[in-house]
Amino acid sequence: QVQLVESGGGLVRPGGSLTLSCAVSGAAFNYRIMAWYRQVPGKEREWISIISSSGDTTDYKEFVKGRFTISRDNTKNTVTLQMNNLGPDDTAVYYCNERRRAVPAHPWGPGTQVTVSL
C-alpha cells in the first residue's frame, strides 16, 4: 500500500518561495508517475504539476509554469515542488499522489498548507 506524507508548507509573503516535499512509501516508486495537486477551500482539488517515473519529463498547469519546479529522487522515494514568486492565489493545501486515470490513485496524505500573505 502506498502512503504519502507532504511537508514543507507554511506562511510566506508574496514573492517568496517554499519547497514542498512528499515522502512516498511502498514499492515500485521509480515506476510511478507522480503529481502535485492543490485544493483551495470551496474548490476541487486539481493537479498542478506532473513528473514522469524517470524524472525526465515534467508538465505544469499554465498558472504555475515558470514559477514552480517539480523534481524527484528515486533513491529516496521523494517528490519535491520548488515554488517561487508565490502569490496570494497560491494559498491552498498541497498534496502529492501518483498520477493515474482514477483520482486519487492512492489515499490522500495529510497535505501541507501553504499560505501566502503579508
Protein backbone atom coordinates (compact mmCIF):
# COMPACT_ATOMS: atom_id res chain seq x y z
CA GLN A 1 0.00 0.00 0.00
CA VAL A 2 1.28 3.44 -0.94
CA GLN A 3 1.35 6.10 1.74
CA LEU A 4 2.03 9.75 1.11
CA VAL A 5 3.22 12.41 3.52
CA GLU A 6 3.63 16.00 2.42
CA SER A 7 5.67 18.61 4.25
CA GLY A 8 7.28 21.99 3.84
CA GLY A 9 4.30 24.29 3.79
CA GLY A 10 3.98 27.46 5.81
CA LEU A 11 3.29 31.15 5.76
CA VAL A 12 5.21 33.19 3.23
CA ARG A 13 4.99 36.73 1.93
CA PRO A 14 4.02 37.46 -1.67
CA GLY A 15 7.03 36.99 -3.90
CA GLY A 16 8.55 34.46 -1.53
CA SER A 17 9.50 30.83 -2.03
CA LEU A 18 8.80 27.49 -0.45
CA THR A 19 9.96 23.97 -1.09
CA LEU A 20 7.46 21.18 -0.58
CA SER A 21 8.43 17.57 -0.14
CA CYS A 22 6.45 14.38 -0.46
CA ALA A 23 7.64 11.14 1.08
CA VAL A 24 6.22 8.07 -0.62
CA SER A 25 6.23 4.66 0.98
CA GLY A 26 5.51 1.45 -0.84
CA ALA A 27 7.16 -0.48 -3.58
CA ALA A 28 7.94 0.49 -7.15
CA PHE A 29 8.20 4.24 -6.60
CA ASN A 30 10.53 4.54 -9.56
CA TYR A 31 7.78 3.20 -11.84
CA ARG A 32 5.15 5.69 -10.72
CA ILE A 33 4.24 8.91 -12.46
CA MET A 34 3.81 11.42 -9.64
CA ALA A 35 1.94 14.68 -9.38
CA TRP A 36 1.36 17.58 -7.07
CA TYR A 37 -2.18 18.76 -6.51
CA ARG A 38 -3.65 21.65 -4.61
CA GLN A 39 -7.01 22.49 -3.16
CA VAL A 40 -8.46 25.83 -2.26
CA PRO A 41 -11.43 25.82 0.12
CA GLY A 42 -14.64 25.54 -1.82
CA LYS A 43 -12.92 24.31 -4.97
CA GLU A 44 -11.99 20.94 -6.35
CA ARG A 45 -8.54 19.53 -5.90
CA GLU A 46 -6.56 19.99 -9.11
CA TRP A 47 -3.27 18.77 -10.38
CA ILE A 48 -0.66 21.44 -10.91
CA SER A 49 2.47 19.53 -11.87
CA ILE A 50 3.40 16.05 -13.08
CA ILE A 51 6.70 14.24 -13.33
CA SER A 52 7.46 11.07 -15.20
CA SER A 53 8.76 7.97 -13.45
CA SER A 54 12.33 8.72 -14.51
CA GLY A 55 12.05 12.43 -13.84
CA ASP A 56 12.93 13.28 -17.44
CA THR A 57 9.56 14.73 -18.34
CA THR A 58 7.52 17.29 -16.45
CA ASP A 59 4.35 19.22 -17.04
CA TYR A 60 2.71 22.17 -15.35
CA LYS A 61 -0.55 23.97 -15.31
CA GLU A 62 -0.18 27.29 -17.05
CA PHE A 63 -0.66 29.34 -13.91
CA VAL A 64 2.41 27.82 -12.20
CA LYS A 65 4.60 27.39 -15.24
CA GLY A 66 7.86 29.27 -14.85
CA ARG A 67 7.40 29.63 -11.09
CA PHE A 68 7.18 26.03 -9.83
CA THR A 69 9.62 23.19 -10.45
CA ILE A 70 8.86 19.55 -9.77
CA SER A 71 11.60 17.01 -9.21
CA ARG A 72 12.04 13.57 -7.71
CA ASP A 73 14.66 11.44 -6.08
CA ASN A 74 14.08 7.78 -6.87
CA THR A 75 16.72 6.74 -4.39
CA LYS A 76 14.84 8.40 -1.53
CA ASN A 77 11.27 7.93 -2.74
CA THR A 78 10.56 11.65 -2.61
CA VAL A 79 8.95 14.21 -4.84
CA THR A 80 9.73 17.90 -4.42
CA LEU A 81 7.97 21.04 -5.53
CA GLN A 82 10.05 24.19 -5.56
CA MET A 83 7.73 27.19 -5.57
CA ASN A 84 8.99 30.67 -6.38
CA ASN A 85 7.35 34.05 -6.73
CA LEU A 86 4.36 32.95 -4.71
CA GLY A 87 1.19 34.99 -4.77
CA PRO A 88 -1.99 35.04 -2.67
CA ASP A 89 -3.71 32.84 -5.27
CA ASP A 90 -1.24 30.07 -4.43
CA THR A 91 -2.72 29.78 -0.96
CA ALA A 92 -4.00 26.22 -0.73
CA VAL A 93 -3.40 22.80 0.75
CA TYR A 94 -0.89 20.94 -1.38
CA TYR A 95 -0.92 17.18 -1.90
CA CYS A 96 1.05 14.67 -3.88
CA ASN A 97 -0.16 11.42 -5.36
CA GLU A 98 0.53 9.05 -8.16
CA ARG A 99 -0.96 10.30 -11.39
CA ARG A 100 -3.39 7.79 -12.85
CA ARG A 101 -6.65 7.99 -14.71
CA ALA A 102 -8.51 7.32 -11.46
CA VAL A 103 -8.05 10.09 -8.95
CA PRO A 104 -6.92 9.58 -6.33
CA ALA A 105 -4.63 6.71 -7.21
CA HIS A 106 -3.96 6.18 -3.51
CA PRO A 107 -5.49 7.55 -0.31
CA TRP A 108 -4.57 11.18 0.11
CA GLY A 109 -1.95 12.16 2.61
CA PRO A 110 -2.48 14.94 5.14
CA GLY A 111 -1.36 17.62 2.71
CA THR A 112 0.63 20.68 3.63
CA GLN A 113 -0.85 24.14 4.00
CA VAL A 114 0.68 26.99 2.05
CA THR A 115 -0.46 30.49 2.95
CA VAL A 116 0.76 33.48 1.00
CA SER A 117 0.00 36.70 2.82
CA LEU A 118 1.53 39.93 4.02
